[in-house]
Amino acid sequence: MSSTRKISYVIHYTVKDDSYWTPAEWYARKRGQRPGDGKPTPANIAKHCAHMEASTLPGGVNAHIGKTKILSAYVVDQRTREIVATYHS
């Protein structure tokens, strides 16, 4: 029997090559093997975006996407639909 839970935050990306990245859950806390990103603050989003960009380099887990530059990102609170933090490179 499965359980459900609500997603609290979602991050949206704008990338340089005009490709579309599907919005993803912002993991504020650790879940399983995946470490959490902390509260959605501009500093934490910047760190998250740097990690995502590094993952698209050769040898990274997202290398199949190709080297990518994230231009901006924002995190939306799913309960209130408000933007709680933004990032601009």
Protein backbone atom coordinates (compact mmCIF):
# COMPACT_ATOMS: atom_id res chain seq x y z
CA MET A 1 0.00 0.00 0.00
CA SER A 2 1.50 3.33 -1.03
CA SER A 3 1.26 6.67 0.65
CA THR A 4 1.05 10.12 -0.83
CA ARG A 5 2.62 13.37 0.18
CA LYS A 6 2.40 16.90 -1.09
CA ILE A 7 5.32 18.61 -2.75
CA SER A 8 6.16 21.80 -0.85
CA TYR A 9 8.43 23.60 -3.33
CA VAL A 10 9.16 23.40 -7.07
CA ILE A 11 12.16 24.91 -8.89
CA HIS A 12 11.83 26.27 -12.44
CA TYR A 13 14.86 26.83 -14.68
CA THR A 14 15.65 29.07 -17.66
CA VAL A 15 18.68 27.83 -19.58
CA LYS A 16 20.87 29.54 -22.19
CA ASP A 17 20.14 27.37 -25.22
CA ASP A 18 16.34 27.82 -24.97
CA SER A 19 15.85 24.15 -24.21
CA TYR A 20 13.10 23.29 -21.74
CA TRP A 21 13.89 21.79 -18.35
CA THR A 22 10.90 20.30 -16.59
CA PRO A 23 10.25 21.96 -13.21
CA ALA A 24 11.51 19.76 -10.39
CA GLU A 25 10.82 19.31 -6.71
CA TRP A 26 13.00 21.41 -4.40
CA TYR A 27 14.20 18.98 -1.74
CA ALA A 28 14.44 21.08 1.42
CA ARG A 29 15.27 18.00 3.53
CA LYS A 30 17.25 14.84 2.97
CA ARG A 31 15.26 12.05 1.36
CA GLY A 32 16.81 8.60 1.18
CA GLN A 33 20.27 8.83 -0.37
CA ARG A 34 19.67 12.31 -1.77
CA PRO A 35 20.85 15.20 0.44
CA GLY A 36 18.52 18.13 0.90
CA ASP A 37 19.09 21.58 -0.59
CA GLY A 38 17.95 23.46 2.52
CA LYS A 39 15.46 26.30 2.65
CA PRO A 40 14.87 27.93 -0.73
CA THR A 41 17.09 31.01 -0.40
CA PRO A 42 19.02 32.84 -3.14
CA ALA A 43 22.31 31.40 -1.80
CA ASN A 44 20.97 27.83 -1.77
CA ILE A 45 19.51 28.21 -5.27
CA ALA A 46 22.87 29.52 -6.54
CA LYS A 47 24.64 26.49 -5.02
CA HIS A 48 22.01 24.14 -6.49
CA CYS A 49 22.33 25.71 -9.96
CA ALA A 50 26.14 25.46 -9.86
CA HIS A 51 25.77 21.76 -8.98
CA MET A 52 23.28 21.22 -11.82
CA GLU A 53 25.56 22.97 -14.33
CA ALA A 54 28.50 20.83 -13.19
CA SER A 55 26.41 17.68 -13.65
CA THR A 56 26.03 18.48 -17.38
CA LEU A 57 29.80 18.48 -17.99
CA PRO A 58 31.54 15.37 -19.40
CA GLY A 59 31.56 12.65 -16.76
CA GLY A 60 28.58 14.14 -14.91
CA VAL A 61 25.28 12.35 -14.39
CA ASN A 62 23.56 14.71 -16.85
CA ALA A 63 26.39 14.73 -19.43
CA HIS A 64 23.94 13.44 -22.05
CA ILE A 65 22.26 16.88 -21.97
CA GLY A 66 25.48 18.63 -22.90
CA LYS A 67 27.17 21.58 -21.22
CA THR A 68 24.41 23.88 -19.99
CA LYS A 69 24.33 27.38 -18.49
CA ILE A 70 21.40 28.18 -16.19
CA LEU A 71 20.42 31.82 -16.71
CA SER A 72 17.83 32.03 -13.97
CA ALA A 73 15.78 29.91 -11.61
CA TYR A 74 13.02 30.45 -9.11
CA VAL A 75 11.34 28.37 -6.43
CA VAL A 76 7.56 28.36 -6.01
CA ASP A 77 5.75 27.46 -2.79
CA GLN A 78 3.11 24.99 -3.94
CA ARG A 79 0.65 25.91 -1.18
CA THR A 80 0.56 29.67 -1.77
CA ARG A 81 1.83 29.70 -5.40
CA GLU A 82 4.23 32.50 -4.44
CA ILE A 83 7.82 32.75 -5.64
CA VAL A 84 9.89 32.39 -2.48
CA ALA A 85 13.43 32.75 -3.92
CA THR A 86 15.10 33.59 -7.23
CA TYR A 87 18.51 33.20 -8.89
CA HIS A 88 20.06 35.10 -11.80
CA SER A 89 23.50 34.29 -13.19
